[in-house]
Amino acid sequence: MLHEIPVLAVTPDAVSLARLLVRRGPIPARAEVDALHIATAAIHGTDYLLTWNCRHIANALMRSRIETLCRTAGLEPPIMCTPEELTGA
């Protein structure tokens, strides 16, 4: 199923947005890879970011701050959720 899903490139803009997500919160510095994951999805305009990472990505308490920072950067954030949330399983 995954062979048709493209691998997204990490761009300088994604790195910049990831740094913003860490610097201005809500992503802690120790989770900079999670910030890069979110930023790469936002830069490429993905509709969804599926993850089992509920600590820093699919986290309802962080979601609004992440979305605000993405929009401040001129980007529409992806919907961050678990596969179960998306499929209703």
Protein backbone atom coordinates (compact mmCIF):
# COMPACT_ATOMS: atom_id res chain seq x y z
CA MET A 1 0.00 0.00 0.00
CA LEU A 2 2.79 2.45 0.74
CA HIS A 3 4.67 2.07 -2.55
CA GLU A 4 2.42 4.71 -4.16
CA ILE A 5 2.97 7.26 -1.40
CA PRO A 6 5.79 9.69 -2.25
CA VAL A 7 8.69 10.37 0.10
CA LEU A 8 8.71 14.07 0.94
CA ALA A 9 11.98 15.99 0.76
CA VAL A 10 13.18 17.92 3.79
CA THR A 11 13.61 21.43 2.45
CA PRO A 12 15.26 24.51 3.96
CA ASP A 13 11.77 25.93 4.51
CA ALA A 14 10.79 22.78 6.44
CA VAL A 15 13.89 23.12 8.62
CA SER A 16 13.04 26.77 9.26
CA LEU A 17 9.45 25.94 10.25
CA ALA A 18 10.65 23.09 12.47
CA ARG A 19 12.97 25.49 14.28
CA LEU A 20 10.03 27.86 14.77
CA LEU A 21 7.92 25.04 16.25
CA VAL A 22 10.70 24.32 18.74
CA ARG A 23 11.75 27.91 19.47
CA ARG A 24 8.22 29.25 20.00
CA GLY A 25 6.92 26.02 21.51
CA PRO A 26 5.00 23.72 21.62
CA ILE A 27 7.54 21.11 20.51
CA PRO A 28 10.39 20.61 23.01
CA ALA A 29 13.98 20.74 21.76
CA ARG A 30 14.48 17.05 22.54
CA ALA A 31 11.73 16.29 19.98
CA GLU A 32 13.10 18.35 17.09
CA VAL A 33 12.63 15.36 14.75
CA ASP A 34 8.90 15.50 15.50
CA ALA A 35 8.89 19.21 14.64
CA LEU A 36 10.64 18.42 11.35
CA HIS A 37 8.04 15.74 10.60
CA ILE A 38 5.21 18.26 11.09
CA ALA A 39 7.02 20.99 9.18
CA THR A 40 7.81 18.77 6.20
CA ALA A 41 4.16 17.73 5.94
CA ALA A 42 3.03 21.38 6.14
CA ILE A 43 5.56 22.63 3.58
CA HIS A 44 4.45 19.99 1.08
CA GLY A 45 0.77 20.73 1.66
CA THR A 46 -0.24 17.28 2.82
CA ASP A 47 -3.81 16.89 3.99
CA TYR A 48 -3.04 14.44 6.81
CA LEU A 49 -0.09 13.51 8.99
CA LEU A 50 -0.76 10.02 10.32
CA THR A 51 1.22 9.04 13.38
CA TRP A 52 1.14 6.97 16.52
CA ASN A 53 3.17 9.70 18.23
CA CYS A 54 0.60 11.16 20.60
CA ARG A 55 3.18 12.88 22.77
CA HIS A 56 4.16 15.64 20.34
CA ILE A 57 2.23 15.25 17.09
CA ALA A 58 -1.29 13.80 17.45
CA ASN A 59 -1.76 15.62 20.72
CA ALA A 60 -4.94 17.62 21.25
CA LEU A 61 -3.25 19.91 23.79
CA MET A 62 -0.50 20.92 21.34
CA ARG A 63 -2.51 20.87 18.13
CA SER A 64 -3.86 24.44 18.23
CA ARG A 65 -0.43 25.95 18.95
CA ILE A 66 1.15 23.93 16.13
CA GLU A 67 -1.63 24.96 13.73
CA THR A 68 -1.30 28.64 14.71
CA LEU A 69 2.46 28.65 14.08
CA CYS A 70 2.03 26.95 10.70
CA ARG A 71 -0.60 29.50 9.69
CA THR A 72 1.59 32.35 10.93
CA ALA A 73 4.22 31.02 8.50
CA GLY A 74 1.63 31.16 5.70
CA LEU A 75 0.96 27.42 5.60
CA GLU A 76 -2.09 25.29 6.20
CA PRO A 77 -1.15 22.59 8.72
CA PRO A 78 -1.99 18.96 8.03
CA ILE A 79 -4.63 17.23 10.09
CA MET A 80 -2.52 15.36 12.66
CA CYS A 81 -4.12 12.15 13.81
CA THR A 82 -3.62 8.46 14.43
CA PRO A 83 -4.55 5.97 11.71
CA GLU A 84 -7.40 4.80 13.92
CA GLU A 85 -8.80 8.34 14.15
CA LEU A 86 -8.72 8.69 10.38
CA THR A 87 -10.30 5.33 9.60
CA GLY A 88 -12.70 5.25 12.53
CA ALA A 89 -11.38 1.81 13.53
